[in-house]
Structures are given as structure tokens and as C-alpha cells.
């Protein structure tokens, strides 16, 4: 895998790890119909379908995307808005804690600004709810990097199958998110389980010889490694 170059990931090289602002910038660029990807509304349409908000009739007319939108009560990470006074508001949380009444403040702003409807999405690594009690009183939808963002990026990658620059970048970002959410280890475990199931007799022999196997590994490998 290393020799094939599959370990190379530009997002890891650049340290795109827990920095929410950087992830917001990447996501916003993909969502932006005027973004450098050149795919128009295709990616934002896939995002809506991947985010459990199909019931929100967000019209894809005059769509624009803003990051770090300054409001009287704070900064909103990502706002997808249209010319029909509708919006999708995304609060992006990776490791940072919730601010006091954060979603409540954004909700109050959105009520006055987007008169034809809006949705608040609370984005975290694994899709948990905010821990701020006032924010929990607001109507919002939880989405996760682990499921929703990866699913969306996979959809976008399929759309860009004949565009290698976009396709390979999306592929690397998907792999990076899977590492952040420990999904790669889970996929490896599933592969191991499938392999074991496909060889039941050999698997039973290994299980029945577990103690001997552990002793052998310690003796033959760990002992020599420490010498």
C-alpha cells in the first residue's frame, strides 16, 4: 500500500485535522455553485439529499454559500442561501464545545432573515446533539462526518468520475474523514471477520490455540524486538 502511494494524503500533510474553520472552507467550496469545481448545483443538490432534509423545499435558485457569516450574536460557520429568502445553516463542531445559546441565537437571526424558511444542521464527527440546554430547545437536524458527509462526498465523487482532479481530491478527503472518525479501522475489522468466516476450520483452530499463539508471538517477535 505504501509503495503504491496509497498512504499519501494531502489533507494529512497540511494538518487538516480538528480545525473546524478549514473543514468548513472545504465543505463550503464544494457546496458553492460558483466554486472552482465547476459542477454548478450538482454537489449542493447531493448534499440536501444526504442530510435528511428532503422535507425542506429549498429552491435551487440564486444559491450562494457563505462561511463565517457575521451576525449580531456571533458567527455562523456555513450558510447556504437562495434568492427566495431560504437558508440552510450549518454549525460545524469537531472537538470544540458549544457556546452558550449558540443555536438559539442563530435561530433568532434566521427567523428574521430567512422569511420563507430555513433549516439548522448541527454537524459533528459522530452526529451527537449539542450539550447546551438552550440550543436543544431549537429545531435542528443532527448530521455527522462519519455518515452524512462521507455519503455526500462519495456521491460527489461518482458525479466527478470523469474529472480526475476533483475525483482524486474527494477520494483523499473521504479517507481523511474516515481516519478522523475511526471508520477505517472498522472497515478493516469487517474485512478480517469476513476472511475468518470464509475459513471456518482454520478460524476454529486459531481460537482453540489462542494461548499457544500468544506465547509464540511474545517469544518469537516481542522478545527479539526488545533485545
Protein backbone atom coordinates (compact mmCIF):
# COMPACT_ATOMS: atom_id res chain seq x y z
CA UNK A 1 0.00 0.00 0.00
CA UNK A 2 2.86 2.35 0.86
CA UNK A 3 4.78 1.54 -2.33
CA UNK A 4 1.65 2.10 -4.43
CA UNK A 5 1.38 5.62 -2.98
CA UNK A 6 -1.94 4.91 -1.26
CA UNK A 7 -0.67 6.28 2.05
CA UNK A 8 -0.26 9.77 0.61
CA UNK A 9 -2.98 12.20 1.67
CA UNK A 10 -2.57 15.94 1.08
CA UNK A 11 -5.09 16.77 3.84
CA UNK A 12 -2.96 14.95 6.42
CA UNK A 13 0.21 16.59 5.08
CA UNK A 14 -1.39 20.02 5.52
CA UNK A 15 -2.60 19.20 9.03
CA UNK A 16 -6.31 19.36 8.25
CA UNK A 17 -7.37 17.55 11.40
CA UNK A 18 -9.52 19.17 14.07
CA UNK A 19 -9.57 22.68 12.61
CA UNK A 20 -13.26 23.39 12.05
CA UNK A 21 -12.62 26.54 10.01
CA UNK A 22 -10.55 24.57 7.48
CA UNK A 23 -13.17 21.82 7.16
CA UNK A 24 -15.87 24.49 6.78
CA UNK A 25 -13.89 26.11 3.97
CA UNK A 26 -13.52 22.79 2.13
CA UNK A 27 -17.20 21.88 2.54
CA UNK A 28 -18.35 25.37 1.56
CA UNK A 29 -16.23 25.35 -1.60
CA UNK A 30 -17.81 22.08 -2.68
CA UNK A 31 -21.30 23.38 -1.88
CA UNK A 32 -20.79 26.65 -3.74
CA UNK A 33 -22.36 26.51 -7.24
CA UNK A 34 -19.78 29.09 -8.31
CA UNK A 35 -16.93 27.05 -6.77
CA UNK A 36 -13.77 26.13 -8.62
CA UNK A 37 -15.04 22.55 -9.06
CA UNK A 38 -17.16 23.80 -11.95
CA UNK A 39 -20.06 21.42 -11.25
CA UNK A 40 -22.70 24.07 -10.61
CA UNK A 41 -25.57 22.96 -8.39
CA UNK A 42 -24.79 19.23 -8.56
CA UNK A 43 -22.89 18.99 -5.28
CA UNK A 44 -25.27 21.11 -3.22
CA UNK A 45 -28.21 19.08 -4.53
CA UNK A 46 -26.50 15.87 -3.40
CA UNK A 47 -25.82 17.45 -0.02
CA UNK A 48 -29.52 18.16 0.54
CA UNK A 49 -30.38 14.56 -0.34
CA UNK A 50 -27.68 13.23 2.01
CA UNK A 51 -28.64 15.38 5.01
CA UNK A 52 -32.13 14.15 5.92
CA UNK A 53 -33.74 17.47 5.00
CA UNK A 54 -35.61 16.43 1.86
CA UNK A 55 -38.81 17.67 3.54
CA UNK A 56 -37.42 21.20 3.36
CA UNK A 57 -38.32 22.54 -0.07
CA UNK A 58 -35.13 24.51 -0.59
CA UNK A 59 -35.27 26.02 -4.05
CA UNK A 60 -32.06 25.89 -6.06
CA UNK A 61 -32.43 29.44 -7.38
CA UNK A 62 -29.77 32.09 -6.83
CA UNK A 63 -27.86 29.83 -4.46
CA UNK A 64 -24.86 31.25 -2.64
CA UNK A 65 -22.62 29.93 0.13
CA UNK A 66 -21.05 31.98 2.91
CA UNK A 67 -18.59 30.92 5.61
CA UNK A 68 -18.08 32.62 8.98
CA UNK A 69 -21.20 34.76 8.46
CA UNK A 70 -21.11 37.60 10.98
CA UNK A 71 -24.41 38.20 12.79
CA UNK A 72 -25.25 40.49 15.72
CA UNK A 73 -24.95 37.43 18.01
CA UNK A 74 -21.97 35.55 16.61
CA UNK A 75 -20.52 33.86 13.53
CA UNK A 76 -22.32 31.11 11.63
CA UNK A 77 -19.94 28.52 10.16
CA UNK A 78 -21.69 27.89 6.82
CA UNK A 79 -24.85 29.36 5.30
CA UNK A 80 -26.39 28.12 2.07
CA UNK A 81 -28.97 30.70 0.96
CA UNK A 82 -31.05 31.39 -2.12
CA UNK A 83 -32.86 34.30 -3.73
CA UNK A 84 -36.17 33.09 -2.23
CA UNK A 85 -35.17 34.07 1.32
CA UNK A 86 -34.47 30.48 2.34
CA UNK A 87 -31.36 29.12 4.02
CA UNK A 88 -29.58 26.01 5.31
CA UNK A 89 -27.47 26.91 8.33
CA UNK A 90 -24.63 24.58 9.30
CA UNK A 91 -22.99 24.68 12.72
CA UNK A 92 -19.75 22.72 12.38
CA UNK A 93 -18.44 21.12 15.59
CA UNK A 94 -15.48 18.73 15.64
CA UNK A 95 -13.89 18.99 19.08
CA UNK A 96 -14.92 22.49 20.21
CA UNK A 97 -17.57 22.80 22.90
CA UNK A 98 -20.90 24.56 22.40
CA UNK A 99 -21.19 28.24 23.09
CA UNK A 100 -23.98 29.48 25.33
CA UNK A 101 -27.34 29.58 23.48
CA UNK A 102 -25.46 29.22 20.18
CA UNK A 103 -28.20 27.53 18.13
CA UNK A 104 -30.82 29.65 19.88
CA UNK A 105 -29.07 32.83 18.75
CA UNK A 106 -28.74 31.53 15.19
CA UNK A 107 -32.40 30.54 15.22
CA UNK A 108 -33.46 34.05 16.24
CA UNK A 109 -31.31 35.53 13.47
CA UNK A 110 -32.70 33.12 10.85
CA UNK A 111 -36.34 33.85 11.79
CA UNK A 112 -35.86 37.50 10.91
CA UNK A 113 -33.56 36.99 7.91
CA UNK A 114 -34.96 33.99 6.03
CA UNK A 115 -38.68 34.60 5.96
CA UNK A 116 -39.53 31.71 3.61
CA UNK A 117 -37.95 29.03 5.75
CA UNK A 118 -34.64 27.68 6.99
CA UNK A 119 -33.04 24.56 8.43
CA UNK A 120 -30.34 24.38 11.08
CA UNK A 121 -27.90 21.48 10.74
CA UNK A 122 -25.69 20.54 13.68
CA UNK A 123 -22.63 18.82 12.21
CA UNK A 124 -20.31 16.73 14.41
CA UNK A 125 -17.96 13.80 13.87
CA UNK A 126 -20.49 11.21 15.05
CA UNK A 127 -23.83 13.05 14.97
CA UNK A 128 -24.39 13.85 18.64
CA UNK A 129 -26.71 16.54 19.98
CA UNK A 130 -25.48 19.86 21.40
CA UNK A 131 -24.82 19.86 25.13
CA UNK A 132 -26.14 23.39 25.62
CA UNK A 133 -29.68 23.14 27.06
CA UNK A 134 -30.94 26.29 25.33
CA UNK A 135 -29.65 25.06 21.97
CA UNK A 136 -31.51 21.78 22.48
CA UNK A 137 -34.81 23.71 22.55
CA UNK A 138 -34.29 24.85 18.95
CA UNK A 139 -35.50 22.81 15.98
CA UNK A 140 -32.39 21.38 14.33
CA UNK A 141 -31.17 18.29 12.50
CA UNK A 142 -28.04 16.41 13.53
CA UNK A 143 -25.69 15.23 10.80
CA UNK A 144 -22.27 13.60 11.07
CA UNK A 145 -18.99 13.47 9.23
CA UNK A 146 -18.98 9.72 9.81
CA UNK A 147 -22.17 9.04 7.84
CA UNK A 148 -23.71 12.08 6.13
CA UNK A 149 -20.59 13.93 4.96
CA UNK A 150 -18.87 10.74 3.79
CA UNK A 151 -22.05 9.66 1.97
CA UNK A 152 -22.30 13.09 0.33
CA UNK A 153 -18.64 13.08 -0.73
CA UNK A 154 -19.00 9.59 -2.21
CA UNK A 155 -21.98 10.81 -4.24
CA UNK A 156 -19.96 13.80 -5.43
CA UNK A 157 -17.04 11.53 -6.34
CA UNK A 158 -19.35 9.42 -8.51
CA UNK A 159 -20.60 12.57 -10.25
CA UNK A 160 -16.99 13.58 -10.93
CA UNK A 161 -15.89 10.13 -12.10
CA UNK A 162 -14.60 11.57 -15.40
CA UNK A 163 -12.89 14.54 -13.71
CA UNK A 164 -9.70 13.16 -12.15
CA UNK A 165 -8.62 16.31 -10.30
CA UNK A 166 -11.92 16.52 -8.40
CA UNK A 167 -12.38 12.76 -8.06
CA UNK A 168 -8.98 12.08 -6.51
CA UNK A 169 -9.21 15.09 -4.17
CA UNK A 170 -12.60 13.90 -2.93
CA UNK A 171 -11.20 10.40 -2.51
CA UNK A 172 -8.40 11.72 -0.29
CA UNK A 173 -10.79 13.85 1.77
CA UNK A 174 -13.09 10.86 2.28
CA UNK A 175 -10.15 8.79 3.53
CA UNK A 176 -9.09 11.63 5.82
CA UNK A 177 -12.56 11.88 7.38
CA UNK A 178 -12.69 8.11 7.83
CA UNK A 179 -9.48 8.33 9.82
CA UNK A 180 -10.88 11.16 11.94
CA UNK A 181 -13.98 9.09 12.72
CA UNK A 182 -12.11 5.78 13.16
CA UNK A 183 -14.13 4.27 10.32
CA UNK A 184 -11.10 2.84 8.51
CA UNK A 185 -10.29 0.58 11.47
CA UNK A 186 -13.91 -0.58 11.47
CA UNK A 187 -13.74 -1.40 7.77
CA UNK A 188 -10.51 -3.33 8.33
CA UNK A 189 -12.14 -5.28 11.17
CA UNK A 190 -15.09 -6.16 8.94
CA UNK A 191 -12.70 -7.43 6.28
CA UNK A 192 -10.90 -9.58 8.85
CA UNK A 193 -14.22 -11.00 10.11
CA UNK A 194 -15.29 -11.88 6.57
CA UNK A 195 -11.94 -13.58 5.98
CA UNK A 196 -12.27 -15.62 9.17
CA UNK A 197 -15.83 -16.65 8.33
CA UNK A 198 -14.75 -17.82 4.88
CA UNK A 199 -12.24 -20.19 6.55
CA UNK A 200 -14.22 -21.68 9.47
CA UNK A 201 -11.99 -24.69 10.17
CA UNK A 202 -8.81 -22.65 10.27
CA UNK A 203 -10.53 -19.99 12.42
CA UNK A 204 -11.60 -22.63 14.98
CA UNK A 205 -8.05 -23.95 15.14
CA UNK A 206 -6.75 -20.44 15.84
CA UNK A 207 -9.35 -19.85 18.55
CA UNK A 208 -8.63 -23.19 20.20
CA UNK A 209 -4.91 -22.45 20.17
CA UNK A 210 -5.15 -18.86 21.43
CA UNK A 211 -2.89 -19.31 24.47
CA UNK A 212 -0.20 -21.09 22.48
CA UNK A 213 -0.42 -18.46 19.77
CA UNK A 214 0.01 -15.62 22.26
CA UNK A 215 3.03 -17.31 23.81
CA UNK A 216 4.55 -17.87 20.36
CA UNK A 217 4.09 -14.22 19.34
CA UNK A 218 5.64 -12.97 22.58
CA UNK A 219 8.57 -15.35 22.31
CA UNK A 220 9.34 -15.03 18.60
CA UNK A 221 8.61 -11.36 17.98
CA UNK A 222 8.27 -9.15 21.03
CA UNK A 223 11.17 -10.73 22.90
CA UNK A 224 13.53 -10.29 19.93
CA UNK A 225 12.29 -6.75 19.32
CA UNK A 226 13.25 -5.77 22.88
CA UNK A 227 16.73 -7.29 22.72
